[in-house]
Amino acid sequence: METPREEACELNWYLMGGRDTEEKLSILTAWVLIAERRQIPYSLELPTDALPAGLGDDHRDTCLKILALYGK
């Protein structure tokens, strides 16, 4: 699995190829946690939501909530 490596990273649903929904959600969730741990600002884009680049507990929690509620 790839991990976010740049000074800022874009976590984008549309750039994940033909993976199924659950796999995309799982990978994006892991990337949010990795980026946060490494203190790399990250944005998140899904078909239903988009957040600009950010960092910190509130940003992480918002991203994780969006991912957890996707499709519900």
N, C-alpha and C. Protein backbone atom coordinates (compact mmCIF):
# COMPACT_ATOMS: atom_id res chain seq x y z
N MET A 1 0.84 -1.18 0.00
CA MET A 1 0.00 0.00 0.00
C MET A 1 0.89 1.24 0.00
N GLU A 2 0.50 2.21 -0.79
CA GLU A 2 1.24 3.47 -0.80
C GLU A 2 0.88 4.28 0.44
N THR A 3 1.72 5.23 0.76
CA THR A 3 1.44 6.12 1.87
C THR A 3 1.71 7.56 1.44
N PRO A 4 1.04 8.52 2.07
CA PRO A 4 1.33 9.91 1.72
C PRO A 4 2.77 10.26 2.09
N ARG A 5 3.48 10.93 1.17
CA ARG A 5 4.90 11.20 1.40
C ARG A 5 5.29 12.66 1.23
N GLU A 6 4.46 13.45 0.61
CA GLU A 6 4.87 14.80 0.23
C GLU A 6 4.63 15.78 1.38
N GLU A 7 5.07 17.02 1.16
CA GLU A 7 4.89 18.05 2.18
C GLU A 7 3.42 18.36 2.41
N ALA A 8 2.61 18.21 1.39
CA ALA A 8 1.15 18.29 1.50
C ALA A 8 0.62 17.23 0.55
N CYS A 9 -0.46 16.58 0.92
CA CYS A 9 -0.96 15.52 0.04
C CYS A 9 -2.46 15.66 -0.16
N GLU A 10 -2.89 15.19 -1.31
CA GLU A 10 -4.29 15.21 -1.71
C GLU A 10 -4.81 13.78 -1.64
N LEU A 11 -5.74 13.54 -0.75
CA LEU A 11 -6.35 12.22 -0.63
C LEU A 11 -7.64 12.27 -1.44
N ASN A 12 -7.58 11.72 -2.64
CA ASN A 12 -8.64 11.93 -3.62
C ASN A 12 -9.23 10.61 -4.09
N TRP A 13 -10.51 10.44 -3.86
CA TRP A 13 -11.28 9.27 -4.25
C TRP A 13 -11.09 8.96 -5.73
N TYR A 14 -11.10 10.00 -6.55
CA TYR A 14 -11.08 9.84 -8.01
C TYR A 14 -9.73 9.41 -8.56
N LEU A 15 -8.68 9.51 -7.76
CA LEU A 15 -7.36 9.12 -8.22
C LEU A 15 -6.98 7.71 -7.77
N MET A 16 -7.96 6.96 -7.25
CA MET A 16 -7.67 5.64 -6.68
C MET A 16 -7.99 4.49 -7.63
N GLY A 17 -8.29 4.79 -8.87
CA GLY A 17 -8.50 3.74 -9.85
C GLY A 17 -9.74 2.92 -9.61
N GLY A 18 -9.70 1.66 -10.03
CA GLY A 18 -10.86 0.80 -10.03
C GLY A 18 -11.11 0.01 -8.76
N ARG A 19 -10.54 0.42 -7.67
CA ARG A 19 -10.78 -0.31 -6.41
C ARG A 19 -12.26 -0.21 -6.03
N ASP A 20 -12.73 -1.17 -5.23
CA ASP A 20 -14.11 -1.10 -4.78
C ASP A 20 -14.25 -0.08 -3.65
N THR A 21 -15.47 0.25 -3.33
CA THR A 21 -15.76 1.32 -2.36
C THR A 21 -15.12 1.06 -1.01
N GLU A 22 -15.28 -0.13 -0.47
CA GLU A 22 -14.73 -0.43 0.86
C GLU A 22 -13.22 -0.33 0.88
N GLU A 23 -12.57 -0.76 -0.19
CA GLU A 23 -11.12 -0.68 -0.25
C GLU A 23 -10.67 0.79 -0.31
N LYS A 24 -11.37 1.60 -1.10
CA LYS A 24 -11.03 3.02 -1.16
C LYS A 24 -11.18 3.68 0.21
N LEU A 25 -12.29 3.39 0.90
CA LEU A 25 -12.53 3.98 2.22
C LEU A 25 -11.46 3.54 3.21
N SER A 26 -11.08 2.28 3.15
CA SER A 26 -10.06 1.76 4.05
C SER A 26 -8.71 2.43 3.81
N ILE A 27 -8.33 2.55 2.55
CA ILE A 27 -7.05 3.18 2.21
C ILE A 27 -7.05 4.66 2.60
N LEU A 28 -8.11 5.36 2.27
CA LEU A 28 -8.18 6.78 2.62
C LEU A 28 -8.12 6.99 4.13
N THR A 29 -8.79 6.12 4.88
CA THR A 29 -8.74 6.21 6.35
C THR A 29 -7.31 6.02 6.84
N ALA A 30 -6.62 5.01 6.32
CA ALA A 30 -5.23 4.78 6.72
C ALA A 30 -4.36 5.98 6.37
N TRP A 31 -4.56 6.54 5.19
CA TRP A 31 -3.76 7.70 4.77
C TRP A 31 -4.00 8.91 5.65
N VAL A 32 -5.26 9.13 6.06
CA VAL A 32 -5.55 10.24 6.99
C VAL A 32 -4.73 10.06 8.26
N LEU A 33 -4.75 8.87 8.82
CA LEU A 33 -4.03 8.62 10.08
C LEU A 33 -2.52 8.74 9.90
N ILE A 34 -2.00 8.26 8.78
CA ILE A 34 -0.57 8.37 8.52
C ILE A 34 -0.16 9.82 8.33
N ALA A 35 -0.90 10.55 7.53
CA ALA A 35 -0.58 11.97 7.29
C ALA A 35 -0.62 12.75 8.59
N GLU A 36 -1.61 12.48 9.40
CA GLU A 36 -1.73 13.19 10.69
C GLU A 36 -0.54 12.85 11.59
N ARG A 37 -0.20 11.59 11.67
CA ARG A 37 0.91 11.17 12.51
C ARG A 37 2.23 11.80 12.04
N ARG A 38 2.38 11.90 10.73
CA ARG A 38 3.61 12.49 10.17
C ARG A 38 3.56 14.01 10.07
N GLN A 39 2.42 14.58 10.45
CA GLN A 39 2.23 16.04 10.41
C GLN A 39 2.37 16.59 8.99
N ILE A 40 1.76 15.89 8.04
CA ILE A 40 1.71 16.30 6.64
C ILE A 40 0.30 16.84 6.38
N PRO A 41 0.15 18.12 6.07
CA PRO A 41 -1.20 18.62 5.76
C PRO A 41 -1.81 17.82 4.60
N TYR A 42 -3.12 17.58 4.68
CA TYR A 42 -3.79 16.76 3.68
C TYR A 42 -5.20 17.28 3.42
N SER A 43 -5.61 17.13 2.17
CA SER A 43 -6.98 17.42 1.78
C SER A 43 -7.68 16.09 1.53
N LEU A 44 -8.99 16.13 1.50
CA LEU A 44 -9.77 14.92 1.26
C LEU A 44 -10.87 15.24 0.27
N GLU A 45 -10.99 14.41 -0.77
CA GLU A 45 -12.07 14.58 -1.73
C GLU A 45 -12.74 13.25 -1.99
N LEU A 46 -14.05 13.24 -1.75
CA LEU A 46 -14.91 12.10 -2.03
C LEU A 46 -16.04 12.60 -2.94
N PRO A 47 -16.81 11.71 -3.53
CA PRO A 47 -17.93 12.16 -4.37
C PRO A 47 -18.92 13.05 -3.62
N THR A 48 -19.04 12.87 -2.32
CA THR A 48 -20.04 13.60 -1.54
C THR A 48 -19.49 14.77 -0.75
N ASP A 49 -18.19 14.85 -0.54
CA ASP A 49 -17.59 15.88 0.31
C ASP A 49 -16.19 16.20 -0.16
N ALA A 50 -15.75 17.41 0.17
CA ALA A 50 -14.36 17.78 -0.08
C ALA A 50 -13.92 18.73 1.02
N LEU A 51 -12.72 18.51 1.53
CA LEU A 51 -12.14 19.38 2.55
C LEU A 51 -10.79 19.88 2.06
N PRO A 52 -10.51 21.17 2.27
CA PRO A 52 -9.19 21.68 1.88
C PRO A 52 -8.11 21.12 2.79
N ALA A 53 -6.88 21.31 2.41
CA ALA A 53 -5.75 20.81 3.19
C ALA A 53 -5.79 21.38 4.60
N GLY A 54 -5.46 20.54 5.54
CA GLY A 54 -5.43 20.95 6.93
C GLY A 54 -4.67 19.92 7.74
N LEU A 55 -4.67 20.15 9.05
CA LEU A 55 -3.96 19.28 9.97
C LEU A 55 -4.52 19.52 11.36
N GLY A 56 -4.45 18.52 12.20
CA GLY A 56 -4.89 18.68 13.58
C GLY A 56 -6.07 17.79 13.91
N ASP A 57 -6.39 17.73 15.20
CA ASP A 57 -7.43 16.84 15.69
C ASP A 57 -8.78 17.07 15.03
N ASP A 58 -9.19 18.34 14.91
CA ASP A 58 -10.50 18.64 14.31
C ASP A 58 -10.55 18.21 12.85
N HIS A 59 -9.48 18.51 12.11
CA HIS A 59 -9.42 18.14 10.70
C HIS A 59 -9.46 16.61 10.55
N ARG A 60 -8.65 15.93 11.34
CA ARG A 60 -8.63 14.46 11.32
C ARG A 60 -10.00 13.88 11.62
N ASP A 61 -10.62 14.37 12.69
CA ASP A 61 -11.91 13.85 13.11
C ASP A 61 -12.99 14.09 12.06
N THR A 62 -12.95 15.25 11.42
CA THR A 62 -13.91 15.55 10.36
C THR A 62 -13.71 14.61 9.17
N CYS A 63 -12.47 14.39 8.78
CA CYS A 63 -12.18 13.47 7.68
C CYS A 63 -12.64 12.05 8.01
N LEU A 64 -12.34 11.59 9.20
CA LEU A 64 -12.73 10.24 9.60
C LEU A 64 -14.25 10.08 9.66
N LYS A 65 -14.94 11.12 10.09
CA LYS A 65 -16.40 11.09 10.13
C LYS A 65 -16.97 11.01 8.72
N ILE A 66 -16.44 11.80 7.80
CA ILE A 66 -16.88 11.77 6.41
C ILE A 66 -16.68 10.37 5.83
N LEU A 67 -15.53 9.80 6.09
CA LEU A 67 -15.23 8.46 5.58
C LEU A 67 -16.15 7.41 6.21
N ALA A 68 -16.39 7.51 7.51
CA ALA A 68 -17.22 6.52 8.21
C ALA A 68 -18.68 6.59 7.75
N LEU A 69 -19.15 7.77 7.40
CA LEU A 69 -20.56 7.94 7.03
C LEU A 69 -20.79 7.85 5.53
N TYR A 70 -19.75 7.65 4.75
CA TYR A 70 -19.90 7.62 3.30
C TYR A 70 -20.89 6.52 2.89
N GLY A 71 -21.85 6.89 2.08
CA GLY A 71 -22.83 5.94 1.58
C GLY A 71 -23.96 5.60 2.52
N LYS A 72 -24.02 6.26 3.66
CA LYS A 72 -25.08 5.99 4.63
C LYS A 72 -26.16 7.04 4.55
